[in-house]
Amino acid sequence: MDHSNYVIDQMISAKSIAARVEALAHEIHDAFEGTDKLIVIGLLRGSFIFISDLVRELDLPVEVDFLETSSYGDGMESSREVRILKDLRGEIEGRDILVVEDIVDTGHTLHHVLNLLQSRKPKRMEVCALLDKPSRREVDVKATWVGFEIPDKFVVGYGIDYAQRNRNLDHIGAVRFLDED
C-alpha cells in the first residue's frame, strides 16, 4: 500500500485544542496547588507541542523533563514492545510529577512508563493525555485528565506524526488513505 497517498480530515480544531488545554491547566493547577515544584514529564516526541502549551498555562512552579519511548516506528500499529530511547535527566523521588502523553491507545506505552516512574518513588504521580482512544485499550491504564476522547482512527497533527510527517499541523486530523476509498 502506498502510504504517501493520503488526505487528512480535520477532527479537532486548533481553537478547540487551545480552549481545552487552558481548561486542563486550571484543573491540574487546582490538583497540585501548594506543590513546591511540579515535575512535568513529556513523552516524546508526540507530546512536545501539547506540553509546551500546557506548561505555559500552568500557574505553578514547574520543571520540565522528557522521556522518549518507541513502540510504533514508522508504522500505524503499535508493536506493543516499548523501548526507552531517552531517560529523564533529573530525579523524581519524593516529587510531584505529571506525565504528559499525546495519545493513549492500547495503553502499553503508558503502562510501561508509569511502572518505570513508580519504581523511582515519586511523592505523587498523575497523567494528562491530550487524546484517548478507549476502544483500542489492551492494558488497564487511565489518564487522570484527558483532553479529548476520540474514535479508533489514525490521527496526526499538534505534535502527533505519521512516519515523522504532519507534526506541525495546528489541529488534530484523521488520516484517510486514498486507496481505501
N, C-alpha and C. Protein backbone atom coordinates (compact mmCIF):
# COMPACT_ATOMS: atom_id res chain seq x y z
N MET A 1 0.85 -1.18 0.00
CA MET A 1 0.00 0.00 0.00
C MET A 1 0.89 1.24 0.00
N ASP A 2 0.62 2.17 -0.87
CA ASP A 2 1.38 3.41 -0.95
C ASP A 2 0.84 4.39 0.09
N HIS A 3 1.60 4.58 1.16
CA HIS A 3 1.14 5.43 2.26
C HIS A 3 1.47 6.90 2.07
N SER A 4 1.98 7.26 0.91
CA SER A 4 2.21 8.68 0.65
C SER A 4 0.97 9.31 0.04
N ASN A 5 -0.01 8.50 -0.31
CA ASN A 5 -1.21 8.99 -0.97
C ASN A 5 -2.38 9.02 0.02
N TYR A 6 -2.41 10.08 0.84
CA TYR A 6 -3.45 10.18 1.85
C TYR A 6 -3.90 11.62 2.02
N VAL A 7 -5.05 11.78 2.64
CA VAL A 7 -5.55 13.11 3.00
C VAL A 7 -5.80 13.11 4.49
N ILE A 8 -5.90 14.32 5.04
CA ILE A 8 -6.13 14.46 6.47
C ILE A 8 -7.44 15.21 6.66
N ASP A 9 -8.38 14.56 7.31
CA ASP A 9 -9.68 15.17 7.61
C ASP A 9 -9.63 15.75 9.02
N GLN A 10 -9.91 17.05 9.15
CA GLN A 10 -9.84 17.70 10.46
C GLN A 10 -10.85 17.08 11.42
N MET A 11 -10.38 16.75 12.64
CA MET A 11 -11.24 16.21 13.69
C MET A 11 -11.42 17.22 14.82
N ILE A 12 -10.31 17.85 15.24
CA ILE A 12 -10.35 18.78 16.37
C ILE A 12 -9.61 20.04 15.95
N SER A 13 -10.27 21.17 16.00
CA SER A 13 -9.69 22.44 15.54
C SER A 13 -8.65 22.97 16.52
N ALA A 14 -7.80 23.83 16.01
CA ALA A 14 -6.79 24.50 16.84
C ALA A 14 -7.46 25.29 17.97
N LYS A 15 -8.57 25.92 17.67
CA LYS A 15 -9.29 26.71 18.67
C LYS A 15 -9.83 25.81 19.79
N SER A 16 -10.37 24.66 19.44
CA SER A 16 -10.88 23.70 20.44
C SER A 16 -9.74 23.16 21.30
N ILE A 17 -8.60 22.89 20.68
CA ILE A 17 -7.44 22.41 21.43
C ILE A 17 -6.99 23.46 22.43
N ALA A 18 -6.86 24.70 21.98
CA ALA A 18 -6.40 25.78 22.87
C ALA A 18 -7.33 25.95 24.07
N ALA A 19 -8.63 25.91 23.83
CA ALA A 19 -9.60 26.05 24.93
C ALA A 19 -9.49 24.88 25.90
N ARG A 20 -9.31 23.69 25.37
CA ARG A 20 -9.23 22.51 26.24
C ARG A 20 -7.93 22.50 27.04
N VAL A 21 -6.83 22.93 26.43
CA VAL A 21 -5.54 23.00 27.14
C VAL A 21 -5.66 23.97 28.32
N GLU A 22 -6.30 25.10 28.10
CA GLU A 22 -6.49 26.08 29.17
C GLU A 22 -7.32 25.48 30.31
N ALA A 23 -8.39 24.77 29.96
CA ALA A 23 -9.24 24.14 30.99
C ALA A 23 -8.47 23.06 31.75
N LEU A 24 -7.69 22.25 31.04
CA LEU A 24 -6.89 21.22 31.69
C LEU A 24 -5.88 21.84 32.66
N ALA A 25 -5.25 22.94 32.25
CA ALA A 25 -4.27 23.61 33.11
C ALA A 25 -4.92 24.09 34.41
N HIS A 26 -6.14 24.58 34.34
CA HIS A 26 -6.84 25.01 35.56
C HIS A 26 -7.11 23.83 36.48
N GLU A 27 -7.53 22.70 35.91
CA GLU A 27 -7.80 21.50 36.71
C GLU A 27 -6.51 20.97 37.35
N ILE A 28 -5.43 20.97 36.59
CA ILE A 28 -4.14 20.50 37.10
C ILE A 28 -3.63 21.44 38.18
N HIS A 29 -3.78 22.74 37.97
CA HIS A 29 -3.38 23.72 38.97
C HIS A 29 -4.10 23.46 40.28
N ASP A 30 -5.41 23.27 40.22
CA ASP A 30 -6.19 23.02 41.43
C ASP A 30 -5.74 21.75 42.14
N ALA A 31 -5.41 20.72 41.38
CA ALA A 31 -4.99 19.45 41.96
C ALA A 31 -3.61 19.52 42.61
N PHE A 32 -2.72 20.34 42.05
CA PHE A 32 -1.34 20.42 42.55
C PHE A 32 -1.05 21.72 43.30
N GLU A 33 -2.07 22.50 43.57
CA GLU A 33 -1.86 23.76 44.28
C GLU A 33 -1.12 23.49 45.59
N GLY A 34 -0.11 24.28 45.87
CA GLY A 34 0.67 24.10 47.09
C GLY A 34 1.94 23.29 46.90
N THR A 35 2.13 22.71 45.71
CA THR A 35 3.36 21.96 45.47
C THR A 35 4.53 22.93 45.43
N ASP A 36 5.69 22.47 45.92
CA ASP A 36 6.87 23.33 45.84
C ASP A 36 7.43 23.33 44.42
N LYS A 37 7.21 22.24 43.68
CA LYS A 37 7.60 22.18 42.27
C LYS A 37 6.94 20.96 41.64
N LEU A 38 6.29 21.18 40.53
CA LEU A 38 5.69 20.10 39.76
C LEU A 38 6.64 19.73 38.64
N ILE A 39 7.04 18.46 38.60
CA ILE A 39 7.88 18.00 37.51
C ILE A 39 6.96 17.46 36.42
N VAL A 40 6.96 18.15 35.28
CA VAL A 40 6.12 17.77 34.15
C VAL A 40 7.00 16.95 33.21
N ILE A 41 6.59 15.69 33.00
CA ILE A 41 7.37 14.78 32.18
C ILE A 41 6.63 14.53 30.88
N GLY A 42 7.20 15.02 29.80
CA GLY A 42 6.61 14.82 28.49
C GLY A 42 7.14 13.56 27.85
N LEU A 43 6.22 12.81 27.23
CA LEU A 43 6.63 11.62 26.49
C LEU A 43 6.86 12.03 25.04
N LEU A 44 8.11 11.97 24.65
CA LEU A 44 8.48 12.41 23.30
C LEU A 44 8.18 11.32 22.29
N ARG A 45 7.96 11.69 21.06
CA ARG A 45 8.04 13.03 20.57
C ARG A 45 6.66 13.65 20.44
N GLY A 46 5.64 12.86 20.44
CA GLY A 46 4.29 13.35 20.14
C GLY A 46 3.73 14.39 21.07
N SER A 47 4.24 14.48 22.30
CA SER A 47 3.65 15.40 23.28
C SER A 47 4.30 16.78 23.31
N PHE A 48 5.31 17.03 22.50
CA PHE A 48 6.11 18.26 22.69
C PHE A 48 5.31 19.55 22.51
N ILE A 49 4.40 19.60 21.58
CA ILE A 49 3.60 20.82 21.39
C ILE A 49 2.59 20.95 22.53
N PHE A 50 1.92 19.85 22.85
CA PHE A 50 0.95 19.84 23.95
C PHE A 50 1.60 20.26 25.26
N ILE A 51 2.76 19.71 25.56
CA ILE A 51 3.41 20.03 26.83
C ILE A 51 3.82 21.51 26.87
N SER A 52 4.30 22.04 25.77
CA SER A 52 4.71 23.45 25.78
C SER A 52 3.50 24.36 26.00
N ASP A 53 2.39 24.07 25.35
CA ASP A 53 1.18 24.88 25.56
C ASP A 53 0.65 24.71 26.97
N LEU A 54 0.67 23.48 27.49
CA LEU A 54 0.14 23.20 28.81
C LEU A 54 0.95 23.90 29.91
N VAL A 55 2.27 23.80 29.88
CA VAL A 55 3.07 24.40 30.95
C VAL A 55 2.99 25.93 30.92
N ARG A 56 2.78 26.52 29.75
CA ARG A 56 2.62 27.97 29.70
C ARG A 56 1.34 28.42 30.37
N GLU A 57 0.35 27.52 30.44
CA GLU A 57 -0.92 27.84 31.09
C GLU A 57 -0.93 27.51 32.58
N LEU A 58 0.07 26.76 33.05
CA LEU A 58 0.11 26.36 34.47
C LEU A 58 0.68 27.48 35.33
N ASP A 59 -0.08 27.87 36.32
CA ASP A 59 0.38 28.89 37.27
C ASP A 59 0.94 28.18 38.51
N LEU A 60 1.99 27.41 38.28
CA LEU A 60 2.66 26.63 39.32
C LEU A 60 4.16 26.66 39.05
N PRO A 61 4.98 26.44 40.07
CA PRO A 61 6.41 26.27 39.79
C PRO A 61 6.60 24.91 39.12
N VAL A 62 7.15 24.92 37.91
CA VAL A 62 7.31 23.67 37.16
C VAL A 62 8.75 23.46 36.71
N GLU A 63 9.09 22.21 36.59
CA GLU A 63 10.32 21.76 35.95
C GLU A 63 9.86 20.83 34.84
N VAL A 64 10.50 20.88 33.70
CA VAL A 64 10.10 20.04 32.57
C VAL A 64 11.23 19.06 32.27
N ASP A 65 10.85 17.82 32.09
CA ASP A 65 11.80 16.78 31.71
C ASP A 65 11.12 15.92 30.64
N PHE A 66 11.89 15.13 29.96
CA PHE A 66 11.34 14.32 28.88
C PHE A 66 11.82 12.88 28.95
N LEU A 67 10.96 12.00 28.50
CA LEU A 67 11.24 10.59 28.37
C LEU A 67 10.85 10.26 26.94
N GLU A 68 11.72 9.58 26.20
CA GLU A 68 11.35 9.19 24.85
C GLU A 68 11.23 7.69 24.78
N THR A 69 10.09 7.27 24.25
CA THR A 69 9.81 5.84 24.09
C THR A 69 9.55 5.56 22.63
N SER A 70 9.57 4.30 22.29
CA SER A 70 9.22 3.91 20.93
C SER A 70 8.43 2.61 20.98
N SER A 71 7.29 2.62 20.29
CA SER A 71 6.53 1.38 20.12
C SER A 71 5.88 1.34 18.74
N TYR A 72 6.08 2.38 17.94
CA TYR A 72 5.44 2.46 16.63
C TYR A 72 6.42 2.39 15.46
N GLY A 73 7.59 3.00 15.58
CA GLY A 73 8.47 3.13 14.42
C GLY A 73 7.77 4.01 13.40
N ASP A 74 7.80 3.63 12.14
CA ASP A 74 7.12 4.40 11.10
C ASP A 74 5.76 3.82 10.74
N GLY A 75 5.31 2.84 11.50
CA GLY A 75 4.04 2.19 11.18
C GLY A 75 2.84 2.86 11.82
N MET A 76 1.69 2.26 11.55
CA MET A 76 0.43 2.76 12.08
C MET A 76 -0.05 1.93 13.26
N GLU A 77 0.57 0.79 13.50
CA GLU A 77 0.17 -0.10 14.58
C GLU A 77 1.31 -0.19 15.60
N SER A 78 0.93 -0.18 16.88
CA SER A 78 1.91 -0.34 17.94
C SER A 78 2.52 -1.73 17.88
N SER A 79 3.82 -1.82 18.13
CA SER A 79 4.48 -3.12 18.18
C SER A 79 4.23 -3.77 19.53
N ARG A 80 3.73 -3.01 20.50
CA ARG A 80 3.48 -3.42 21.88
C ARG A 80 4.78 -3.71 22.64
N GLU A 81 5.91 -3.47 21.99
CA GLU A 81 7.21 -3.61 22.63
C GLU A 81 7.72 -2.19 22.88
N VAL A 82 7.77 -1.80 24.14
CA VAL A 82 8.12 -0.42 24.48
C VAL A 82 9.60 -0.35 24.81
N ARG A 83 10.28 0.56 24.12
CA ARG A 83 11.71 0.78 24.36
C ARG A 83 11.90 2.20 24.86
N ILE A 84 12.78 2.39 25.82
CA ILE A 84 13.14 3.72 26.32
C ILE A 84 14.32 4.21 25.49
N LEU A 85 14.12 5.28 24.74
CA LEU A 85 15.19 5.83 23.89
C LEU A 85 15.93 6.96 24.59
N LYS A 86 15.23 7.69 25.47
CA LYS A 86 15.83 8.78 26.24
C LYS A 86 15.20 8.78 27.62
N ASP A 87 16.04 8.70 28.63
CA ASP A 87 15.55 8.68 30.00
C ASP A 87 15.54 10.09 30.58
N LEU A 88 14.93 10.23 31.74
CA LEU A 88 14.88 11.53 32.43
C LEU A 88 16.28 11.98 32.81
N ARG A 89 16.46 13.30 32.89
CA ARG A 89 17.74 13.84 33.33
C ARG A 89 17.76 14.03 34.83
N GLY A 90 16.58 14.34 35.40
CA GLY A 90 16.52 14.64 36.83
C GLY A 90 15.93 13.52 37.66
N GLU A 91 16.02 13.69 38.97
CA GLU A 91 15.47 12.73 39.93
C GLU A 91 14.01 13.08 40.21
N ILE A 92 13.19 12.06 40.45
CA ILE A 92 11.77 12.32 40.76
C ILE A 92 11.36 11.77 42.12
N GLU A 93 12.28 11.12 42.81
CA GLU A 93 11.93 10.55 44.11
C GLU A 93 11.42 11.65 45.06
N GLY A 94 10.25 11.36 45.65
CA GLY A 94 9.66 12.30 46.61
C GLY A 94 9.06 13.55 45.99
N ARG A 95 8.94 13.59 44.68
CA ARG A 95 8.45 14.78 43.98
C ARG A 95 7.04 14.55 43.43
N ASP A 96 6.35 15.65 43.16
CA ASP A 96 5.06 15.62 42.46
C ASP A 96 5.37 15.61 40.97
N ILE A 97 4.81 14.61 40.26
CA ILE A 97 5.06 14.56 38.82
C ILE A 97 3.76 14.45 38.04
N LEU A 98 3.79 15.06 36.88
CA LEU A 98 2.68 14.98 35.93
C LEU A 98 3.25 14.43 34.64
N VAL A 99 2.77 13.26 34.23
CA VAL A 99 3.20 12.65 32.98
C VAL A 99 2.26 13.16 31.89
N VAL A 100 2.83 13.71 30.81
CA VAL A 100 2.03 14.26 29.72
C VAL A 100 2.25 13.40 28.48
N GLU A 101 1.13 12.84 28.01
CA GLU A 101 1.13 11.91 26.87
C GLU A 101 0.30 12.52 25.75
N ASP A 102 0.69 12.27 24.51
CA ASP A 102 -0.10 12.77 23.39
C ASP A 102 -1.37 11.97 23.21
N ILE A 103 -1.26 10.65 23.22
CA ILE A 103 -2.42 9.80 22.97
C ILE A 103 -2.29 8.48 23.71
N VAL A 104 -3.37 8.07 24.37
CA VAL A 104 -3.41 6.75 25.00
C VAL A 104 -4.22 5.87 24.06
N ASP A 105 -3.55 4.87 23.52
CA ASP A 105 -4.15 3.99 22.53
C ASP A 105 -4.31 2.60 23.17
N THR A 106 -3.42 1.67 22.90
CA THR A 106 -3.52 0.34 23.50
C THR A 106 -3.24 0.39 25.00
N GLY A 107 -2.44 1.39 25.41
CA GLY A 107 -2.09 1.54 26.82
C GLY A 107 -0.75 0.94 27.18
N HIS A 108 -0.14 0.20 26.27
CA HIS A 108 1.13 -0.47 26.58
C HIS A 108 2.24 0.52 26.94
N THR A 109 2.39 1.57 26.13
CA THR A 109 3.47 2.53 26.40
C THR A 109 3.25 3.21 27.75
N LEU A 110 2.06 3.75 27.98
CA LEU A 110 1.81 4.45 29.24
C LEU A 110 1.96 3.51 30.43
N HIS A 111 1.48 2.30 30.33
CA HIS A 111 1.60 1.32 31.41
C HIS A 111 3.08 1.08 31.74
N HIS A 112 3.88 0.87 30.71
CA HIS A 112 5.32 0.64 30.89
C HIS A 112 5.99 1.85 31.56
N VAL A 113 5.68 3.04 31.05
CA VAL A 113 6.27 4.27 31.59
C VAL A 113 5.86 4.49 33.04
N LEU A 114 4.59 4.30 33.35
CA LEU A 114 4.13 4.51 34.73
C LEU A 114 4.79 3.53 35.70
N ASN A 115 4.96 2.28 35.29
CA ASN A 115 5.66 1.31 36.13
C ASN A 115 7.10 1.73 36.36
N LEU A 116 7.76 2.17 35.30
CA LEU A 116 9.15 2.63 35.41
C LEU A 116 9.25 3.81 36.38
N LEU A 117 8.39 4.81 36.19
CA LEU A 117 8.44 6.00 37.03
C LEU A 117 8.04 5.69 38.47
N GLN A 118 7.06 4.83 38.68
CA GLN A 118 6.64 4.47 40.03
C GLN A 118 7.78 3.81 40.80
N SER A 119 8.62 3.07 40.10
CA SER A 119 9.76 2.41 40.75
C SER A 119 10.77 3.43 41.28
N ARG A 120 10.68 4.66 40.81
CA ARG A 120 11.59 5.73 41.26
C ARG A 120 11.00 6.53 42.41
N LYS A 121 9.88 6.08 42.93
CA LYS A 121 9.25 6.57 44.16
C LYS A 121 8.88 8.07 44.17
N PRO A 122 8.08 8.50 43.19
CA PRO A 122 7.61 9.89 43.28
C PRO A 122 6.63 10.03 44.44
N LYS A 123 6.48 11.24 44.94
CA LYS A 123 5.51 11.52 46.00
C LYS A 123 4.10 11.31 45.47
N ARG A 124 3.85 11.87 44.29
CA ARG A 124 2.54 11.79 43.65
C ARG A 124 2.75 11.77 42.15
N MET A 125 1.96 10.95 41.45
CA MET A 125 2.09 10.87 40.00
C MET A 125 0.70 10.86 39.38
N GLU A 126 0.47 11.79 38.46
CA GLU A 126 -0.79 11.87 37.73
C GLU A 126 -0.45 11.92 36.24
N VAL A 127 -1.47 11.70 35.41
CA VAL A 127 -1.27 11.64 33.96
C VAL A 127 -2.27 12.56 33.27
N CYS A 128 -1.77 13.31 32.29
CA CYS A 128 -2.62 14.12 31.43
C CYS A 128 -2.35 13.69 30.00
N ALA A 129 -3.41 13.29 29.30
CA ALA A 129 -3.28 12.88 27.90
C ALA A 129 -4.13 13.80 27.04
N LEU A 130 -3.59 14.23 25.93
CA LEU A 130 -4.35 15.05 25.00
C LEU A 130 -5.50 14.25 24.41
N LEU A 131 -5.20 13.04 23.96
CA LEU A 131 -6.20 12.20 23.29
C LEU A 131 -6.29 10.84 23.96
N ASP A 132 -7.49 10.28 23.94
CA ASP A 132 -7.71 8.95 24.49
C ASP A 132 -8.58 8.16 23.51
N LYS A 133 -8.13 6.93 23.21
CA LYS A 133 -8.87 6.01 22.34
C LYS A 133 -9.24 4.78 23.16
N PRO A 134 -10.25 4.89 24.02
CA PRO A 134 -10.56 3.76 24.90
C PRO A 134 -10.97 2.48 24.16
N SER A 135 -11.47 2.59 22.95
CA SER A 135 -11.88 1.40 22.19
C SER A 135 -10.69 0.52 21.82
N ARG A 136 -9.48 1.06 21.87
CA ARG A 136 -8.27 0.32 21.50
C ARG A 136 -7.53 -0.25 22.70
N ARG A 137 -7.99 0.02 23.91
CA ARG A 137 -7.23 -0.33 25.11
C ARG A 137 -7.05 -1.83 25.26
N GLU A 138 -5.81 -2.22 25.50
CA GLU A 138 -5.45 -3.62 25.77
C GLU A 138 -4.91 -3.78 27.18
N VAL A 139 -4.48 -2.68 27.79
CA VAL A 139 -3.92 -2.69 29.13
C VAL A 139 -4.74 -1.72 29.98
N ASP A 140 -5.02 -2.11 31.21
CA ASP A 140 -5.84 -1.28 32.09
C ASP A 140 -5.02 -0.09 32.60
N VAL A 141 -5.12 1.01 31.90
CA VAL A 141 -4.41 2.23 32.28
C VAL A 141 -5.32 3.40 31.94
N LYS A 142 -5.28 4.42 32.79
CA LYS A 142 -6.21 5.54 32.61
C LYS A 142 -5.50 6.84 32.97
N ALA A 143 -5.72 7.86 32.16
CA ALA A 143 -5.17 9.18 32.45
C ALA A 143 -6.08 9.89 33.45
N THR A 144 -5.48 10.68 34.32
CA THR A 144 -6.23 11.48 35.29
C THR A 144 -7.04 12.54 34.56
N TRP A 145 -6.41 13.18 33.58
CA TRP A 145 -7.06 14.21 32.77
C TRP A 145 -6.91 13.84 31.30
N VAL A 146 -7.99 14.02 30.54
CA VAL A 146 -7.99 13.73 29.11
C VAL A 146 -8.53 14.95 28.37
N GLY A 147 -7.81 15.34 27.33
CA GLY A 147 -8.26 16.45 26.52
C GLY A 147 -9.49 16.09 25.70
N PHE A 148 -9.36 15.03 24.90
CA PHE A 148 -10.44 14.60 24.02
C PHE A 148 -10.45 13.08 23.90
N GLU A 149 -11.63 12.50 23.97
CA GLU A 149 -11.79 11.08 23.66
C GLU A 149 -12.11 11.00 22.17
N ILE A 150 -11.40 10.13 21.48
CA ILE A 150 -11.59 10.04 20.02
C ILE A 150 -11.89 8.60 19.61
N PRO A 151 -12.50 8.44 18.43
CA PRO A 151 -12.77 7.10 17.91
C PRO A 151 -11.48 6.45 17.41
N ASP A 152 -11.58 5.20 17.02
CA ASP A 152 -10.43 4.44 16.55
C ASP A 152 -10.06 4.85 15.12
N LYS A 153 -9.38 5.99 15.04
CA LYS A 153 -8.86 6.49 13.77
C LYS A 153 -7.39 6.84 13.97
N PHE A 154 -6.62 6.72 12.90
CA PHE A 154 -5.21 7.10 12.97
C PHE A 154 -5.14 8.62 12.80
N VAL A 155 -4.57 9.31 13.78
CA VAL A 155 -4.58 10.77 13.78
C VAL A 155 -3.18 11.36 13.72
N VAL A 156 -3.12 12.60 13.23
CA VAL A 156 -1.87 13.36 13.15
C VAL A 156 -2.16 14.80 13.53
N GLY A 157 -1.08 15.55 13.73
CA GLY A 157 -1.18 16.97 14.00
C GLY A 157 -0.92 17.29 15.45
N TYR A 158 -0.63 18.58 15.71
CA TYR A 158 -0.39 19.08 17.07
C TYR A 158 0.67 18.23 17.78
N GLY A 159 1.71 17.86 17.02
CA GLY A 159 2.83 17.09 17.57
C GLY A 159 2.80 15.62 17.21
N ILE A 160 1.65 15.11 16.84
CA ILE A 160 1.50 13.69 16.53
C ILE A 160 1.80 13.47 15.05
N ASP A 161 2.57 12.42 14.74
CA ASP A 161 3.04 12.23 13.37
C ASP A 161 2.56 10.93 12.75
N TYR A 162 2.73 10.86 11.46
CA TYR A 162 2.68 9.61 10.71
C TYR A 162 3.99 9.57 9.93
N ALA A 163 4.86 8.62 10.26
CA ALA A 163 6.18 8.49 9.61
C ALA A 163 6.93 9.82 9.62
N GLN A 164 6.90 10.51 10.76
CA GLN A 164 7.59 11.78 11.00
C GLN A 164 7.02 12.95 10.20
N ARG A 165 5.82 12.84 9.71
CA ARG A 165 5.18 13.93 8.97
C ARG A 165 3.95 14.42 9.73
N ASN A 166 3.58 15.66 9.46
CA ASN A 166 2.34 16.29 9.93
C ASN A 166 2.34 16.69 11.41
N ARG A 167 3.47 16.62 12.10
CA ARG A 167 3.53 17.08 13.49
C ARG A 167 3.18 18.56 13.59
N ASN A 168 3.48 19.32 12.54
CA ASN A 168 3.35 20.78 12.58
C ASN A 168 1.93 21.29 12.32
N LEU A 169 0.97 20.43 12.09
CA LEU A 169 -0.41 20.89 11.92
C LEU A 169 -0.91 21.48 13.23
N ASP A 170 -1.70 22.55 13.16
CA ASP A 170 -2.20 23.19 14.38
C ASP A 170 -3.48 22.55 14.91
N HIS A 171 -3.93 21.50 14.24
CA HIS A 171 -5.16 20.81 14.63
C HIS A 171 -4.90 19.30 14.62
N ILE A 172 -5.90 18.53 15.08
CA ILE A 172 -5.82 17.08 15.02
C ILE A 172 -6.65 16.64 13.82
N GLY A 173 -6.04 15.80 12.97
CA GLY A 173 -6.75 15.30 11.80
C GLY A 173 -6.66 13.79 11.71
N ALA A 174 -7.66 13.20 11.09
CA ALA A 174 -7.68 11.75 10.85
C ALA A 174 -7.07 11.48 9.47
N VAL A 175 -6.16 10.52 9.43
CA VAL A 175 -5.53 10.13 8.17
C VAL A 175 -6.48 9.20 7.42
N ARG A 176 -6.69 9.52 6.15
CA ARG A 176 -7.52 8.67 5.28
C ARG A 176 -6.71 8.39 4.02
N PHE A 177 -6.41 7.13 3.79
CA PHE A 177 -5.65 6.74 2.61
C PHE A 177 -6.58 6.71 1.41
N LEU A 178 -6.13 7.31 0.31
CA LEU A 178 -6.97 7.42 -0.88
C LEU A 178 -7.26 6.08 -1.52
N ASP A 179 -6.38 5.11 -1.33
CA ASP A 179 -6.62 3.79 -1.88
C ASP A 179 -7.60 2.97 -1.03
N GLU A 180 -8.11 3.58 0.06
CA GLU A 180 -9.12 2.92 0.90
C GLU A 180 -10.53 3.31 0.48
N ASP A 181 -10.66 4.34 -0.36
CA ASP A 181 -11.99 4.83 -0.74
C ASP A 181 -12.73 3.86 -1.64
